[in-house]
Every structure is written in structure tokens, then in C-alpha cells.
Amino acid sequence: MGQLMALDYGKARTGIAVTDDLQIIASALCTVETPKLMGFLQKYFAENQVEEIVVGLPTDLRGNLSEVEQEIQVFLQKFAEQFPNLKINRLDERFTSKMASFFISQSGKNKKDRQQKGLIDKVSATLILQNFLDTKR
């Protein structure tokens, strides 16, 4: 059994979270500048066994897709070509950034650390992955 990975894809940065090899616990991994994402993934997949990825599906309160979805579709097409053996899942990511901000504020971090957008991105990816794990059980 290998890891699951979640991506909170953004125009500037992408938050990344992974599970352990038993797919029990979701943990924040890092934040990568989106233009460097494919290179990061190539290296990570060469060093780790990842079975599936989960990419957040950005929707508004009415269920309409946000404008970043067009960029996500381009990324997913390139991803599928580069890594044809990895299954791609999508999961509604509504409220994950707000929940991430809340959890970070409750963590005791100082105001400067709480406002780091990269931290919010990787915590959001962790929430997406944990929600995906919960739906699989």
C-alpha cells in the first residue's frame, strides 16, 4: 500500500498533504510554487510510492466552479499524461481555507505565522485529504 496525496491547487502556490503508507493519517507536507509543481511531483514520486492523488474542486456557495478550475484542468491533463498510472480524484474544497485559518488560529501560532498563505495552503490540502479518507471509510 502506498501514500495518498492531496493538492490544494492555486494560481501562485499549491499546498500538498500526504498520508502515511497505511493511508490512516493525513499530514501537511509542504507548499510549492505552482509553476514548479510538476518538477516537485516528479521527484517526490520517484522517491515515494503514491497510489492516488486528490485535487481540490474549487466551488462557491452555489456550487459554481471558480475561475482557477480552468487552470486545474490544464494541470490535470498534463498530470495524466506524465503519470498515467496514478488515479486522480476530485473533492469539493469549499470552506477548507476558512477552516484552515481557524485551526491555525487555534494552534497558538503568532499573528505573523498565522497569516502566511503557504501555511494555509498546506493545511487546506491536509483537510482535503482527511475528508477524502473519511469518505473512503
N, C-alpha and C. Protein backbone atom coordinates (compact mmCIF):
# COMPACT_ATOMS: atom_id res chain seq x y z
N MET A 1 0.85 -1.17 0.00
CA MET A 1 0.00 0.00 0.00
C MET A 1 0.89 1.23 0.00
N GLY A 2 0.52 2.23 -0.76
CA GLY A 2 1.29 3.46 -0.83
C GLY A 2 0.51 4.64 -0.27
N GLN A 3 1.10 5.79 -0.40
CA GLN A 3 0.50 7.00 0.12
C GLN A 3 -0.61 7.52 -0.79
N LEU A 4 -1.45 8.35 -0.20
CA LEU A 4 -2.37 9.19 -0.95
C LEU A 4 -1.83 10.61 -0.82
N MET A 5 -2.04 11.42 -1.84
CA MET A 5 -1.57 12.80 -1.81
C MET A 5 -2.73 13.72 -2.17
N ALA A 6 -2.80 14.86 -1.50
CA ALA A 6 -3.80 15.87 -1.84
C ALA A 6 -3.10 17.14 -2.27
N LEU A 7 -3.71 17.82 -3.24
CA LEU A 7 -3.21 19.08 -3.74
C LEU A 7 -4.29 20.14 -3.58
N ASP A 8 -3.94 21.23 -2.92
CA ASP A 8 -4.79 22.42 -2.88
C ASP A 8 -4.19 23.37 -3.90
N TYR A 9 -4.60 23.20 -5.15
CA TYR A 9 -4.01 23.90 -6.29
C TYR A 9 -4.41 25.36 -6.29
N GLY A 10 -3.43 26.22 -6.43
CA GLY A 10 -3.70 27.65 -6.54
C GLY A 10 -2.87 28.25 -7.66
N LYS A 11 -3.21 29.46 -8.06
CA LYS A 11 -2.50 30.11 -9.16
C LYS A 11 -1.04 30.35 -8.80
N ALA A 12 -0.77 30.76 -7.57
CA ALA A 12 0.61 31.07 -7.17
C ALA A 12 1.27 29.91 -6.43
N ARG A 13 0.54 29.27 -5.52
CA ARG A 13 1.10 28.21 -4.69
C ARG A 13 0.14 27.04 -4.64
N THR A 14 0.71 25.86 -4.39
CA THR A 14 -0.10 24.66 -4.21
C THR A 14 0.30 24.02 -2.89
N GLY A 15 -0.69 23.83 -2.04
CA GLY A 15 -0.46 23.13 -0.78
C GLY A 15 -0.52 21.63 -1.02
N ILE A 16 0.35 20.90 -0.34
CA ILE A 16 0.44 19.45 -0.54
C ILE A 16 0.37 18.75 0.81
N ALA A 17 -0.42 17.68 0.84
CA ALA A 17 -0.52 16.83 2.03
C ALA A 17 -0.42 15.38 1.58
N VAL A 18 0.05 14.52 2.45
CA VAL A 18 0.16 13.09 2.15
C VAL A 18 -0.30 12.27 3.34
N THR A 19 -0.61 11.02 3.07
CA THR A 19 -0.90 10.09 4.15
C THR A 19 0.36 9.29 4.45
N ASP A 20 0.28 8.53 5.52
CA ASP A 20 1.30 7.51 5.77
C ASP A 20 1.06 6.38 4.78
N ASP A 21 1.95 5.40 4.75
CA ASP A 21 1.82 4.30 3.78
C ASP A 21 0.59 3.42 4.04
N LEU A 22 0.06 3.44 5.26
CA LEU A 22 -1.15 2.66 5.57
C LEU A 22 -2.42 3.46 5.30
N GLN A 23 -2.26 4.68 4.85
CA GLN A 23 -3.38 5.57 4.50
C GLN A 23 -4.32 5.80 5.67
N ILE A 24 -3.73 6.07 6.83
CA ILE A 24 -4.52 6.30 8.04
C ILE A 24 -4.56 7.78 8.40
N ILE A 25 -3.41 8.44 8.35
CA ILE A 25 -3.29 9.81 8.84
C ILE A 25 -2.88 10.74 7.71
N ALA A 26 -3.59 11.86 7.59
CA ALA A 26 -3.23 12.91 6.63
C ALA A 26 -2.34 13.93 7.32
N SER A 27 -1.23 14.27 6.68
CA SER A 27 -0.29 15.24 7.26
C SER A 27 0.11 16.27 6.20
N ALA A 28 0.26 17.51 6.64
CA ALA A 28 0.74 18.56 5.73
C ALA A 28 2.16 18.23 5.32
N LEU A 29 2.47 18.38 4.05
CA LEU A 29 3.82 18.12 3.56
C LEU A 29 4.56 19.43 3.31
N CYS A 30 4.05 20.24 2.39
CA CYS A 30 4.74 21.49 2.05
C CYS A 30 3.84 22.33 1.16
N THR A 31 4.37 23.47 0.80
CA THR A 31 3.74 24.33 -0.20
C THR A 31 4.78 24.55 -1.30
N VAL A 32 4.34 24.43 -2.54
CA VAL A 32 5.23 24.56 -3.69
C VAL A 32 4.69 25.66 -4.59
N GLU A 33 5.58 26.47 -5.14
CA GLU A 33 5.15 27.44 -6.14
C GLU A 33 4.56 26.66 -7.30
N THR A 34 3.37 27.02 -7.72
CA THR A 34 2.65 26.25 -8.73
C THR A 34 3.45 26.04 -10.02
N PRO A 35 4.19 27.02 -10.53
CA PRO A 35 4.98 26.75 -11.74
C PRO A 35 6.02 25.65 -11.54
N LYS A 36 6.42 25.36 -10.32
CA LYS A 36 7.42 24.33 -10.03
C LYS A 36 6.79 23.02 -9.58
N LEU A 37 5.46 22.93 -9.64
CA LEU A 37 4.75 21.77 -9.09
C LEU A 37 5.09 20.46 -9.80
N MET A 38 5.08 20.45 -11.12
CA MET A 38 5.35 19.19 -11.84
C MET A 38 6.74 18.66 -11.53
N GLY A 39 7.72 19.52 -11.46
CA GLY A 39 9.07 19.09 -11.11
C GLY A 39 9.13 18.51 -9.71
N PHE A 40 8.44 19.15 -8.77
CA PHE A 40 8.39 18.64 -7.41
C PHE A 40 7.75 17.26 -7.38
N LEU A 41 6.63 17.10 -8.10
CA LEU A 41 5.92 15.82 -8.10
C LEU A 41 6.77 14.72 -8.72
N GLN A 42 7.48 15.01 -9.80
CA GLN A 42 8.35 14.01 -10.42
C GLN A 42 9.36 13.49 -9.41
N LYS A 43 9.99 14.39 -8.70
CA LYS A 43 10.98 13.99 -7.71
C LYS A 43 10.33 13.22 -6.56
N TYR A 44 9.20 13.71 -6.07
CA TYR A 44 8.55 13.06 -4.94
C TYR A 44 8.10 11.64 -5.31
N PHE A 45 7.49 11.49 -6.49
CA PHE A 45 7.01 10.18 -6.91
C PHE A 45 8.17 9.20 -7.16
N ALA A 46 9.33 9.71 -7.53
CA ALA A 46 10.50 8.85 -7.73
C ALA A 46 11.01 8.30 -6.40
N GLU A 47 10.77 9.06 -5.33
CA GLU A 47 11.29 8.67 -4.02
C GLU A 47 10.25 8.05 -3.10
N ASN A 48 8.97 8.15 -3.44
CA ASN A 48 7.89 7.66 -2.58
C ASN A 48 6.85 6.95 -3.42
N GLN A 49 6.19 5.99 -2.81
CA GLN A 49 5.13 5.27 -3.51
C GLN A 49 3.80 5.96 -3.22
N VAL A 50 3.24 6.58 -4.24
CA VAL A 50 1.95 7.25 -4.13
C VAL A 50 0.98 6.52 -5.03
N GLU A 51 -0.18 6.14 -4.49
CA GLU A 51 -1.17 5.38 -5.25
C GLU A 51 -2.19 6.25 -5.96
N GLU A 52 -2.62 7.30 -5.29
CA GLU A 52 -3.66 8.17 -5.84
C GLU A 52 -3.41 9.59 -5.39
N ILE A 53 -3.97 10.53 -6.16
CA ILE A 53 -3.95 11.92 -5.70
C ILE A 53 -5.39 12.42 -5.61
N VAL A 54 -5.56 13.41 -4.77
CA VAL A 54 -6.85 14.08 -4.61
C VAL A 54 -6.59 15.56 -4.87
N VAL A 55 -7.34 16.11 -5.79
CA VAL A 55 -7.18 17.52 -6.12
C VAL A 55 -8.47 18.22 -5.74
N GLY A 56 -8.33 19.31 -4.99
CA GLY A 56 -9.49 20.06 -4.56
C GLY A 56 -10.29 20.58 -5.74
N LEU A 57 -11.60 20.57 -5.58
CA LEU A 57 -12.53 21.08 -6.59
C LEU A 57 -13.07 22.40 -6.06
N PRO A 58 -12.58 23.53 -6.61
CA PRO A 58 -12.95 24.84 -6.05
C PRO A 58 -14.33 25.30 -6.52
N THR A 59 -15.26 25.36 -5.59
CA THR A 59 -16.62 25.82 -5.90
C THR A 59 -17.02 26.92 -4.94
N ASP A 60 -18.01 27.71 -5.37
CA ASP A 60 -18.54 28.73 -4.48
C ASP A 60 -19.74 28.17 -3.72
N LEU A 61 -20.41 29.01 -2.95
CA LEU A 61 -21.53 28.55 -2.13
C LEU A 61 -22.68 28.00 -2.95
N ARG A 62 -22.78 28.42 -4.19
CA ARG A 62 -23.85 27.93 -5.06
C ARG A 62 -23.46 26.68 -5.84
N GLY A 63 -22.24 26.25 -5.66
CA GLY A 63 -21.76 25.07 -6.37
C GLY A 63 -21.15 25.36 -7.71
N ASN A 64 -20.98 26.64 -8.05
CA ASN A 64 -20.35 27.02 -9.32
C ASN A 64 -18.84 26.90 -9.19
N LEU A 65 -18.20 26.46 -10.25
CA LEU A 65 -16.75 26.32 -10.25
C LEU A 65 -16.09 27.70 -10.28
N SER A 66 -15.00 27.83 -9.55
CA SER A 66 -14.27 29.11 -9.55
C SER A 66 -13.39 29.17 -10.80
N GLU A 67 -12.85 30.36 -11.07
CA GLU A 67 -12.07 30.56 -12.29
C GLU A 67 -10.77 29.78 -12.31
N VAL A 68 -10.22 29.42 -11.15
CA VAL A 68 -8.97 28.65 -11.13
C VAL A 68 -9.17 27.23 -11.67
N GLU A 69 -10.42 26.78 -11.77
CA GLU A 69 -10.69 25.43 -12.26
C GLU A 69 -10.18 25.23 -13.68
N GLN A 70 -10.19 26.27 -14.50
CA GLN A 70 -9.66 26.14 -15.86
C GLN A 70 -8.17 25.80 -15.82
N GLU A 71 -7.43 26.44 -14.93
CA GLU A 71 -6.01 26.13 -14.79
C GLU A 71 -5.81 24.73 -14.22
N ILE A 72 -6.69 24.34 -13.30
CA ILE A 72 -6.59 22.99 -12.73
C ILE A 72 -6.80 21.95 -13.82
N GLN A 73 -7.74 22.18 -14.73
CA GLN A 73 -7.99 21.23 -15.81
C GLN A 73 -6.77 21.07 -16.71
N VAL A 74 -6.09 22.18 -17.00
CA VAL A 74 -4.86 22.11 -17.81
C VAL A 74 -3.81 21.30 -17.05
N PHE A 75 -3.66 21.58 -15.75
CA PHE A 75 -2.70 20.83 -14.93
C PHE A 75 -3.05 19.34 -14.92
N LEU A 76 -4.33 19.00 -14.73
CA LEU A 76 -4.74 17.60 -14.65
C LEU A 76 -4.47 16.85 -15.95
N GLN A 77 -4.63 17.53 -17.06
CA GLN A 77 -4.34 16.89 -18.35
C GLN A 77 -2.84 16.57 -18.45
N LYS A 78 -2.00 17.53 -18.08
CA LYS A 78 -0.55 17.30 -18.11
C LYS A 78 -0.17 16.22 -17.11
N PHE A 79 -0.80 16.25 -15.94
CA PHE A 79 -0.51 15.26 -14.91
C PHE A 79 -0.84 13.85 -15.42
N ALA A 80 -2.02 13.69 -16.02
CA ALA A 80 -2.44 12.38 -16.52
C ALA A 80 -1.50 11.87 -17.61
N GLU A 81 -0.97 12.76 -18.42
CA GLU A 81 -0.02 12.36 -19.45
C GLU A 81 1.31 11.93 -18.84
N GLN A 82 1.75 12.67 -17.83
CA GLN A 82 3.04 12.41 -17.20
C GLN A 82 3.00 11.19 -16.26
N PHE A 83 1.87 11.02 -15.56
CA PHE A 83 1.73 9.95 -14.57
C PHE A 83 0.46 9.14 -14.85
N PRO A 84 0.43 8.40 -15.95
CA PRO A 84 -0.81 7.73 -16.36
C PRO A 84 -1.28 6.63 -15.39
N ASN A 85 -0.42 6.15 -14.53
CA ASN A 85 -0.80 5.07 -13.62
C ASN A 85 -1.36 5.56 -12.29
N LEU A 86 -1.37 6.86 -12.08
CA LEU A 86 -1.89 7.41 -10.83
C LEU A 86 -3.33 7.85 -11.00
N LYS A 87 -4.18 7.34 -10.15
CA LYS A 87 -5.59 7.70 -10.18
C LYS A 87 -5.75 9.12 -9.63
N ILE A 88 -6.60 9.90 -10.30
CA ILE A 88 -6.87 11.27 -9.89
C ILE A 88 -8.30 11.34 -9.36
N ASN A 89 -8.45 11.84 -8.13
CA ASN A 89 -9.75 12.05 -7.52
C ASN A 89 -9.97 13.54 -7.34
N ARG A 90 -11.21 13.96 -7.35
CA ARG A 90 -11.56 15.35 -7.07
C ARG A 90 -12.46 15.38 -5.84
N LEU A 91 -12.30 16.43 -5.04
CA LEU A 91 -13.11 16.56 -3.83
C LEU A 91 -13.42 18.03 -3.60
N ASP A 92 -14.69 18.31 -3.34
CA ASP A 92 -15.13 19.67 -3.08
C ASP A 92 -14.29 20.27 -1.96
N GLU A 93 -13.72 21.44 -2.22
CA GLU A 93 -12.84 22.05 -1.23
C GLU A 93 -13.46 23.28 -0.58
N ARG A 94 -14.78 23.42 -0.69
CA ARG A 94 -15.44 24.58 -0.08
C ARG A 94 -15.10 24.67 1.40
N PHE A 95 -14.81 25.85 1.85
CA PHE A 95 -14.54 26.18 3.25
C PHE A 95 -13.21 25.67 3.79
N THR A 96 -12.42 24.95 2.99
CA THR A 96 -11.17 24.43 3.56
C THR A 96 -10.22 25.55 3.96
N SER A 97 -10.14 26.63 3.18
CA SER A 97 -9.25 27.72 3.54
C SER A 97 -9.71 28.40 4.83
N LYS A 98 -11.02 28.59 4.96
CA LYS A 98 -11.55 29.20 6.19
C LYS A 98 -11.31 28.28 7.39
N MET A 99 -11.53 26.98 7.21
CA MET A 99 -11.29 26.04 8.30
C MET A 99 -9.81 26.00 8.63
N ALA A 100 -8.96 26.03 7.62
CA ALA A 100 -7.51 26.02 7.85
C ALA A 100 -7.11 27.24 8.67
N SER A 101 -7.63 28.40 8.29
CA SER A 101 -7.32 29.63 9.04
C SER A 101 -7.76 29.51 10.49
N PHE A 102 -8.94 28.94 10.69
CA PHE A 102 -9.45 28.76 12.06
C PHE A 102 -8.54 27.83 12.86
N PHE A 103 -8.19 26.68 12.28
CA PHE A 103 -7.34 25.72 13.00
C PHE A 103 -5.98 26.32 13.32
N ILE A 104 -5.44 27.07 12.38
CA ILE A 104 -4.14 27.71 12.60
C ILE A 104 -4.25 28.72 13.73
N SER A 105 -5.34 29.49 13.75
CA SER A 105 -5.51 30.49 14.81
C SER A 105 -5.64 29.84 16.17
N GLN A 106 -6.18 28.63 16.21
CA GLN A 106 -6.34 27.91 17.47
C GLN A 106 -5.07 27.19 17.91
N SER A 107 -4.08 27.16 17.03
CA SER A 107 -2.87 26.38 17.30
C SER A 107 -1.87 27.09 18.20
N GLY A 108 -2.11 28.37 18.47
CA GLY A 108 -1.18 29.11 19.32
C GLY A 108 -0.08 29.81 18.54
N LYS A 109 -0.13 29.74 17.21
CA LYS A 109 0.89 30.42 16.41
C LYS A 109 0.69 31.93 16.52
N ASN A 110 1.79 32.66 16.40
CA ASN A 110 1.67 34.12 16.47
C ASN A 110 1.01 34.66 15.20
N LYS A 111 0.61 35.91 15.24
CA LYS A 111 -0.15 36.50 14.15
C LYS A 111 0.60 36.44 12.82
N LYS A 112 1.90 36.70 12.84
CA LYS A 112 2.69 36.68 11.61
C LYS A 112 2.66 35.28 10.99
N ASP A 113 2.85 34.23 11.80
CA ASP A 113 2.82 32.86 11.29
C ASP A 113 1.43 32.49 10.78
N ARG A 114 0.40 32.94 11.47
CA ARG A 114 -0.97 32.60 11.07
C ARG A 114 -1.34 33.20 9.72
N GLN A 115 -0.72 34.31 9.36
CA GLN A 115 -1.07 34.99 8.12
C GLN A 115 -0.28 34.49 6.91
N GLN A 116 0.63 33.56 7.11
CA GLN A 116 1.39 33.01 5.99
C GLN A 116 0.46 32.20 5.10
N LYS A 117 0.32 32.63 3.85
CA LYS A 117 -0.61 31.95 2.95
C LYS A 117 -0.16 30.53 2.64
N GLY A 118 1.13 30.29 2.60
CA GLY A 118 1.63 28.94 2.35
C GLY A 118 1.19 27.97 3.43
N LEU A 119 1.15 28.43 4.67
CA LEU A 119 0.69 27.59 5.77
C LEU A 119 -0.78 27.25 5.58
N ILE A 120 -1.57 28.23 5.20
CA ILE A 120 -2.99 27.97 4.96
C ILE A 120 -3.17 26.98 3.82
N ASP A 121 -2.36 27.09 2.77
CA ASP A 121 -2.47 26.18 1.62
C ASP A 121 -2.18 24.73 2.01
N LYS A 122 -1.13 24.50 2.78
CA LYS A 122 -0.82 23.11 3.12
C LYS A 122 -1.78 22.55 4.16
N VAL A 123 -2.30 23.39 5.06
CA VAL A 123 -3.33 22.91 5.99
C VAL A 123 -4.62 22.62 5.23
N SER A 124 -4.94 23.44 4.23
CA SER A 124 -6.11 23.19 3.39
C SER A 124 -5.97 21.85 2.65
N ALA A 125 -4.78 21.57 2.14
CA ALA A 125 -4.55 20.28 1.47
C ALA A 125 -4.74 19.13 2.45
N THR A 126 -4.32 19.33 3.69
CA THR A 126 -4.49 18.29 4.71
C THR A 126 -5.97 18.05 4.98
N LEU A 127 -6.76 19.11 5.04
CA LEU A 127 -8.20 18.97 5.26
C LEU A 127 -8.86 18.26 4.08
N ILE A 128 -8.45 18.58 2.86
CA ILE A 128 -8.99 17.90 1.68
C ILE A 128 -8.68 16.41 1.77
N LEU A 129 -7.45 16.09 2.13
CA LEU A 129 -7.04 14.68 2.19
C LEU A 129 -7.77 13.95 3.32
N GLN A 130 -7.91 14.59 4.47
CA GLN A 130 -8.62 13.94 5.58
C GLN A 130 -10.09 13.71 5.22
N ASN A 131 -10.71 14.68 4.55
CA ASN A 131 -12.09 14.49 4.11
C ASN A 131 -12.20 13.33 3.12
N PHE A 132 -11.22 13.22 2.23
CA PHE A 132 -11.21 12.11 1.27
C PHE A 132 -11.07 10.77 2.01
N LEU A 133 -10.17 10.71 2.98
CA LEU A 133 -10.02 9.48 3.77
C LEU A 133 -11.32 9.12 4.47
N ASP A 134 -11.99 10.12 5.01
CA ASP A 134 -13.25 9.88 5.73
C ASP A 134 -14.32 9.33 4.79
N THR A 135 -14.34 9.79 3.53
CA THR A 135 -15.34 9.29 2.60
C THR A 135 -15.03 7.87 2.13
N LYS A 136 -13.76 7.47 2.17
CA LYS A 136 -13.37 6.13 1.75
C LYS A 136 -13.71 5.08 2.81
N ARG A 137 -13.86 5.51 4.04
CA ARG A 137 -14.09 4.55 5.13
C ARG A 137 -15.53 4.17 5.28
